[in-house]
Amino acid sequence: MNEQKFRAVINEKITIHFTLLSLINPLFSIRNFVIPWLEAGGIPDRCIEKKDKNGKEIYEGDKFLINIGKGVQAIDTIVFEYPSWKGQPVDGSRYTLFKYMISDTEIIGNIHEGESNEH
């Protein structure tokens, strides 16, 4: 089993990827940013251990674009709803991630960024 990966988006400008083991490693220089951020109530995004069609790791809170057929595209956000990861529509559509292959998705931003580029 792989160690769970996390992403901290600090002040919308600094993104740090880490594991729990890296936080306790005194040689992990970024911990000076991550630990105070966590103590202040920051909530990291969890990696879902999958990659999009471009090979980019997918994290909770990522916005993804998916072609749902006949020239129609949908934008969803990755969320965890027990017992699995799902796509929560952000554009009013009714399509969700697990109707389609994760490998067919494309990450276009995340909930910490401003409006994503139009596709």
N, C-alpha and C. Protein backbone atom coordinates (compact mmCIF):
# COMPACT_ATOMS: atom_id res chain seq x y z
N MET A 1 0.83 -1.17 0.00
CA MET A 1 0.00 0.00 0.00
C MET A 1 0.88 1.24 0.00
N ASN A 2 0.55 2.20 -0.88
CA ASN A 2 1.30 3.44 -0.96
C ASN A 2 0.91 4.37 0.18
N GLU A 3 1.86 5.22 0.54
CA GLU A 3 1.57 6.22 1.56
C GLU A 3 0.67 7.29 0.96
N GLN A 4 -0.33 7.72 1.71
CA GLN A 4 -1.28 8.74 1.24
C GLN A 4 -0.56 10.05 0.97
N LYS A 5 -0.84 10.64 -0.19
CA LYS A 5 -0.26 11.93 -0.56
C LYS A 5 -1.30 13.01 -0.31
N PHE A 6 -0.80 14.21 0.00
CA PHE A 6 -1.65 15.37 0.24
C PHE A 6 -1.12 16.57 -0.52
N ARG A 7 -1.99 17.57 -0.68
CA ARG A 7 -1.61 18.83 -1.31
C ARG A 7 -2.10 19.95 -0.40
N ALA A 8 -1.19 20.85 -0.05
CA ALA A 8 -1.55 22.04 0.71
C ALA A 8 -1.48 23.22 -0.24
N VAL A 9 -2.56 23.97 -0.35
CA VAL A 9 -2.57 25.19 -1.15
C VAL A 9 -2.61 26.34 -0.15
N ILE A 10 -1.47 27.01 -0.02
CA ILE A 10 -1.29 28.04 0.99
C ILE A 10 -1.38 29.42 0.33
N ASN A 11 -2.30 30.24 0.79
CA ASN A 11 -2.49 31.59 0.27
C ASN A 11 -2.73 31.62 -1.24
N GLU A 12 -3.29 30.58 -1.79
CA GLU A 12 -3.62 30.46 -3.21
C GLU A 12 -2.42 30.60 -4.14
N LYS A 13 -1.22 30.74 -3.60
CA LYS A 13 -0.04 30.93 -4.44
C LYS A 13 1.00 29.84 -4.26
N ILE A 14 1.02 29.23 -3.10
CA ILE A 14 2.01 28.20 -2.80
C ILE A 14 1.31 26.86 -2.71
N THR A 15 1.74 25.91 -3.53
CA THR A 15 1.21 24.55 -3.48
C THR A 15 2.33 23.61 -3.08
N ILE A 16 2.07 22.84 -2.01
CA ILE A 16 3.07 21.91 -1.50
C ILE A 16 2.48 20.51 -1.45
N HIS A 17 3.16 19.56 -2.06
CA HIS A 17 2.75 18.16 -2.01
C HIS A 17 3.55 17.48 -0.91
N PHE A 18 2.87 16.68 -0.09
CA PHE A 18 3.55 16.05 1.03
C PHE A 18 2.87 14.76 1.45
N THR A 19 3.57 14.00 2.29
CA THR A 19 3.01 12.81 2.93
C THR A 19 3.10 13.03 4.44
N LEU A 20 2.44 12.20 5.21
CA LEU A 20 2.53 12.34 6.67
C LEU A 20 3.95 12.08 7.16
N LEU A 21 4.64 11.12 6.52
CA LEU A 21 6.03 10.86 6.92
C LEU A 21 6.93 12.05 6.64
N SER A 22 6.68 12.76 5.55
CA SER A 22 7.52 13.92 5.25
C SER A 22 7.32 15.03 6.28
N LEU A 23 6.14 15.11 6.88
CA LEU A 23 5.90 16.14 7.90
C LEU A 23 6.71 15.91 9.17
N ILE A 24 6.99 14.66 9.49
CA ILE A 24 7.76 14.40 10.71
C ILE A 24 9.25 14.31 10.45
N ASN A 25 9.64 14.38 9.19
CA ASN A 25 11.05 14.33 8.81
C ASN A 25 11.65 15.74 8.99
N PRO A 26 12.61 15.91 9.89
CA PRO A 26 13.17 17.24 10.11
C PRO A 26 13.92 17.79 8.89
N LEU A 27 14.25 16.93 7.93
CA LEU A 27 14.94 17.38 6.72
C LEU A 27 13.96 17.89 5.65
N PHE A 28 12.67 17.73 5.87
CA PHE A 28 11.64 18.21 4.94
C PHE A 28 11.49 19.71 5.18
N SER A 29 12.19 20.51 4.37
CA SER A 29 12.28 21.95 4.62
C SER A 29 10.94 22.68 4.51
N ILE A 30 10.01 22.14 3.77
CA ILE A 30 8.72 22.80 3.55
C ILE A 30 7.82 22.68 4.78
N ARG A 31 8.16 21.81 5.71
CA ARG A 31 7.31 21.63 6.89
C ARG A 31 7.13 22.93 7.67
N ASN A 32 8.07 23.87 7.54
CA ASN A 32 7.92 25.17 8.21
C ASN A 32 6.74 25.96 7.65
N PHE A 33 6.29 25.63 6.45
CA PHE A 33 5.09 26.24 5.88
C PHE A 33 3.85 25.41 6.19
N VAL A 34 4.00 24.09 6.01
CA VAL A 34 2.84 23.20 6.11
C VAL A 34 2.31 23.08 7.54
N ILE A 35 3.19 22.87 8.51
CA ILE A 35 2.73 22.67 9.89
C ILE A 35 1.98 23.89 10.43
N PRO A 36 2.50 25.11 10.30
CA PRO A 36 1.72 26.27 10.77
C PRO A 36 0.39 26.42 10.02
N TRP A 37 0.40 26.10 8.73
CA TRP A 37 -0.83 26.16 7.93
C TRP A 37 -1.87 25.18 8.46
N LEU A 38 -1.43 23.96 8.78
CA LEU A 38 -2.33 22.96 9.37
C LEU A 38 -2.83 23.42 10.74
N GLU A 39 -1.94 23.95 11.57
CA GLU A 39 -2.32 24.41 12.90
C GLU A 39 -3.32 25.56 12.84
N ALA A 40 -3.27 26.35 11.78
CA ALA A 40 -4.19 27.48 11.61
C ALA A 40 -5.53 27.03 11.01
N GLY A 41 -5.69 25.73 10.79
CA GLY A 41 -6.96 25.21 10.29
C GLY A 41 -6.98 24.85 8.82
N GLY A 42 -5.82 24.92 8.15
CA GLY A 42 -5.76 24.52 6.75
C GLY A 42 -6.12 23.05 6.58
N ILE A 43 -6.86 22.75 5.54
CA ILE A 43 -7.26 21.37 5.28
C ILE A 43 -6.63 20.94 3.95
N PRO A 44 -5.75 19.95 4.00
CA PRO A 44 -5.10 19.51 2.76
C PRO A 44 -6.04 18.69 1.88
N ASP A 45 -5.75 18.71 0.59
CA ASP A 45 -6.48 17.88 -0.37
C ASP A 45 -5.79 16.52 -0.45
N ARG A 46 -6.57 15.44 -0.48
CA ARG A 46 -6.02 14.09 -0.58
C ARG A 46 -5.87 13.70 -2.05
N CYS A 47 -4.80 12.99 -2.34
CA CYS A 47 -4.60 12.44 -3.68
C CYS A 47 -5.48 11.20 -3.80
N ILE A 48 -6.17 11.05 -4.93
CA ILE A 48 -7.04 9.87 -5.08
C ILE A 48 -6.30 8.69 -5.72
N GLU A 49 -4.98 8.85 -5.91
CA GLU A 49 -4.12 7.78 -6.44
C GLU A 49 -4.48 7.39 -7.87
N LYS A 50 -5.00 8.34 -8.64
CA LYS A 50 -5.29 8.14 -10.06
C LYS A 50 -4.71 9.32 -10.82
N LYS A 51 -4.56 9.14 -12.13
CA LYS A 51 -4.05 10.21 -12.98
C LYS A 51 -5.04 10.51 -14.10
N ASP A 52 -5.01 11.76 -14.55
CA ASP A 52 -5.88 12.14 -15.67
C ASP A 52 -5.25 11.70 -16.98
N LYS A 53 -5.86 12.06 -18.10
CA LYS A 53 -5.37 11.60 -19.41
C LYS A 53 -4.00 12.16 -19.77
N ASN A 54 -3.56 13.22 -19.07
CA ASN A 54 -2.25 13.80 -19.32
C ASN A 54 -1.20 13.32 -18.32
N GLY A 55 -1.58 12.36 -17.46
CA GLY A 55 -0.65 11.81 -16.48
C GLY A 55 -0.53 12.64 -15.22
N LYS A 56 -1.39 13.63 -15.02
CA LYS A 56 -1.36 14.48 -13.84
C LYS A 56 -2.12 13.81 -12.70
N GLU A 57 -1.51 13.77 -11.50
CA GLU A 57 -2.19 13.18 -10.34
C GLU A 57 -3.46 13.98 -10.02
N ILE A 58 -4.49 13.26 -9.59
CA ILE A 58 -5.77 13.88 -9.28
C ILE A 58 -5.92 14.00 -7.77
N TYR A 59 -6.27 15.20 -7.31
CA TYR A 59 -6.46 15.46 -5.89
C TYR A 59 -7.90 15.89 -5.62
N GLU A 60 -8.32 15.65 -4.41
CA GLU A 60 -9.62 16.14 -3.94
C GLU A 60 -9.66 17.65 -4.19
N GLY A 61 -10.77 18.13 -4.72
CA GLY A 61 -10.89 19.55 -5.00
C GLY A 61 -10.45 19.94 -6.40
N ASP A 62 -9.89 19.00 -7.17
CA ASP A 62 -9.52 19.31 -8.55
C ASP A 62 -10.78 19.46 -9.39
N LYS A 63 -10.73 20.41 -10.32
CA LYS A 63 -11.80 20.55 -11.31
C LYS A 63 -11.33 19.81 -12.56
N PHE A 64 -12.22 19.01 -13.12
CA PHE A 64 -11.83 18.26 -14.30
C PHE A 64 -12.84 18.44 -15.41
N LEU A 65 -12.34 18.34 -16.61
CA LEU A 65 -13.15 18.45 -17.82
C LEU A 65 -13.30 17.06 -18.40
N ILE A 66 -14.50 16.74 -18.79
CA ILE A 66 -14.73 15.43 -19.40
C ILE A 66 -15.66 15.60 -20.59
N ASN A 67 -15.32 14.90 -21.67
CA ASN A 67 -16.19 14.88 -22.84
C ASN A 67 -17.24 13.80 -22.61
N ILE A 68 -18.50 14.20 -22.64
CA ILE A 68 -19.56 13.23 -22.35
C ILE A 68 -20.28 12.78 -23.61
N GLY A 69 -19.74 13.17 -24.76
CA GLY A 69 -20.28 12.69 -26.03
C GLY A 69 -21.03 13.76 -26.79
N LYS A 70 -21.06 13.57 -28.10
CA LYS A 70 -21.78 14.46 -29.01
C LYS A 70 -21.39 15.92 -28.84
N GLY A 71 -20.09 16.16 -28.61
CA GLY A 71 -19.58 17.52 -28.48
C GLY A 71 -19.91 18.20 -27.17
N VAL A 72 -20.45 17.48 -26.21
CA VAL A 72 -20.82 18.06 -24.92
C VAL A 72 -19.71 17.79 -23.90
N GLN A 73 -19.34 18.83 -23.16
CA GLN A 73 -18.34 18.69 -22.12
C GLN A 73 -18.96 19.07 -20.78
N ALA A 74 -18.45 18.49 -19.71
CA ALA A 74 -18.90 18.82 -18.36
C ALA A 74 -17.68 19.11 -17.50
N ILE A 75 -17.87 19.98 -16.51
CA ILE A 75 -16.83 20.28 -15.55
C ILE A 75 -17.34 19.84 -14.18
N ASP A 76 -16.57 18.98 -13.52
CA ASP A 76 -16.91 18.50 -12.19
C ASP A 76 -15.75 18.78 -11.25
N THR A 77 -16.02 18.66 -9.95
CA THR A 77 -14.99 18.78 -8.91
C THR A 77 -14.91 17.45 -8.19
N ILE A 78 -13.69 17.00 -7.91
CA ILE A 78 -13.48 15.74 -7.19
C ILE A 78 -13.85 15.94 -5.72
N VAL A 79 -14.75 15.11 -5.22
CA VAL A 79 -15.13 15.13 -3.80
C VAL A 79 -15.17 13.70 -3.28
N PHE A 80 -15.05 13.55 -1.98
CA PHE A 80 -15.17 12.23 -1.37
C PHE A 80 -16.53 12.12 -0.71
N GLU A 81 -17.29 11.14 -1.17
CA GLU A 81 -18.57 10.82 -0.54
C GLU A 81 -18.48 9.35 -0.20
N TYR A 82 -18.50 9.06 1.07
CA TYR A 82 -18.33 7.68 1.52
C TYR A 82 -19.21 6.74 0.71
N PRO A 83 -18.69 5.70 0.14
CA PRO A 83 -17.36 5.11 0.34
C PRO A 83 -16.40 5.38 -0.80
N SER A 84 -16.64 6.36 -1.66
CA SER A 84 -15.75 6.52 -2.81
C SER A 84 -15.65 7.97 -3.25
N TRP A 85 -14.71 8.18 -4.21
CA TRP A 85 -14.53 9.50 -4.83
C TRP A 85 -15.60 9.69 -5.88
N LYS A 86 -16.09 10.90 -6.02
CA LYS A 86 -17.12 11.20 -7.01
C LYS A 86 -16.83 12.55 -7.65
N GLY A 87 -17.50 12.78 -8.75
CA GLY A 87 -17.44 14.08 -9.39
C GLY A 87 -18.70 14.85 -9.04
N GLN A 88 -18.51 16.04 -8.49
CA GLN A 88 -19.65 16.89 -8.15
C GLN A 88 -19.75 17.97 -9.22
N PRO A 89 -20.84 18.01 -9.98
CA PRO A 89 -20.97 18.98 -11.06
C PRO A 89 -20.86 20.42 -10.57
N VAL A 90 -20.09 21.23 -11.30
CA VAL A 90 -19.97 22.64 -10.95
C VAL A 90 -20.69 23.52 -11.97
N ASP A 91 -21.20 22.92 -13.02
CA ASP A 91 -21.83 23.72 -14.07
C ASP A 91 -23.30 23.38 -14.28
N GLY A 92 -23.92 22.74 -13.30
CA GLY A 92 -25.33 22.42 -13.42
C GLY A 92 -25.63 21.13 -14.15
N SER A 93 -24.59 20.44 -14.65
CA SER A 93 -24.84 19.19 -15.36
C SER A 93 -25.18 18.08 -14.37
N ARG A 94 -25.60 16.96 -14.88
CA ARG A 94 -25.94 15.84 -14.01
C ARG A 94 -24.96 14.68 -14.18
N TYR A 95 -23.84 14.92 -14.83
CA TYR A 95 -22.88 13.87 -15.09
C TYR A 95 -21.86 13.82 -13.97
N THR A 96 -21.42 12.62 -13.62
CA THR A 96 -20.44 12.49 -12.56
C THR A 96 -19.28 11.62 -13.02
N LEU A 97 -18.19 11.73 -12.30
CA LEU A 97 -16.92 11.09 -12.66
C LEU A 97 -17.03 9.61 -12.96
N PHE A 98 -17.75 8.86 -12.15
CA PHE A 98 -17.69 7.42 -12.31
C PHE A 98 -18.63 6.87 -13.36
N LYS A 99 -19.31 7.74 -14.11
CA LYS A 99 -19.99 7.26 -15.30
C LYS A 99 -18.98 7.11 -16.43
N TYR A 100 -17.81 7.70 -16.25
CA TYR A 100 -16.79 7.75 -17.29
C TYR A 100 -15.46 7.26 -16.71
N MET A 101 -14.52 7.01 -17.58
CA MET A 101 -13.21 6.56 -17.16
C MET A 101 -12.40 7.74 -16.63
N ILE A 102 -11.78 7.57 -15.48
CA ILE A 102 -10.94 8.63 -14.93
C ILE A 102 -9.84 8.98 -15.92
N SER A 103 -9.33 7.99 -16.64
CA SER A 103 -8.24 8.24 -17.58
C SER A 103 -8.67 9.13 -18.75
N ASP A 104 -9.97 9.35 -18.94
CA ASP A 104 -10.46 10.23 -20.00
C ASP A 104 -10.65 11.66 -19.52
N THR A 105 -10.42 11.93 -18.23
CA THR A 105 -10.62 13.27 -17.70
C THR A 105 -9.38 14.12 -17.90
N GLU A 106 -9.55 15.42 -17.79
CA GLU A 106 -8.43 16.35 -17.86
C GLU A 106 -8.57 17.35 -16.72
N ILE A 107 -7.57 17.42 -15.84
CA ILE A 107 -7.59 18.37 -14.73
C ILE A 107 -7.37 19.77 -15.31
N ILE A 108 -8.26 20.70 -14.95
CA ILE A 108 -8.17 22.06 -15.50
C ILE A 108 -8.00 23.11 -14.40
N GLY A 109 -7.90 22.69 -13.17
CA GLY A 109 -7.73 23.63 -12.06
C GLY A 109 -8.15 22.97 -10.77
N ASN A 110 -8.35 23.79 -9.73
CA ASN A 110 -8.84 23.25 -8.47
C ASN A 110 -9.65 24.32 -7.74
N ILE A 111 -10.28 23.92 -6.65
CA ILE A 111 -11.18 24.82 -5.94
C ILE A 111 -10.46 25.99 -5.28
N HIS A 112 -9.14 25.94 -5.22
CA HIS A 112 -8.37 27.01 -4.57
C HIS A 112 -8.00 28.10 -5.56
N GLU A 113 -8.17 27.84 -6.84
CA GLU A 113 -7.80 28.80 -7.88
C GLU A 113 -9.00 29.63 -8.27
N GLY A 114 -8.75 30.72 -8.97
CA GLY A 114 -9.84 31.52 -9.51
C GLY A 114 -10.54 30.75 -10.61
N GLU A 115 -11.38 31.40 -11.35
CA GLU A 115 -12.09 30.75 -12.44
C GLU A 115 -11.11 30.10 -13.39
N SER A 116 -11.44 28.88 -13.80
CA SER A 116 -10.58 28.16 -14.74
C SER A 116 -10.77 28.72 -16.15
N ASN A 117 -9.82 28.41 -17.01
CA ASN A 117 -9.94 28.81 -18.41
C ASN A 117 -11.11 28.13 -19.06
N GLU A 118 -11.76 28.81 -19.97
CA GLU A 118 -12.87 28.20 -20.71
C GLU A 118 -12.31 27.18 -21.69
N HIS A 119 -12.97 26.04 -21.81
CA HIS A 119 -12.56 25.00 -22.77
C HIS A 119 -13.66 24.80 -23.77
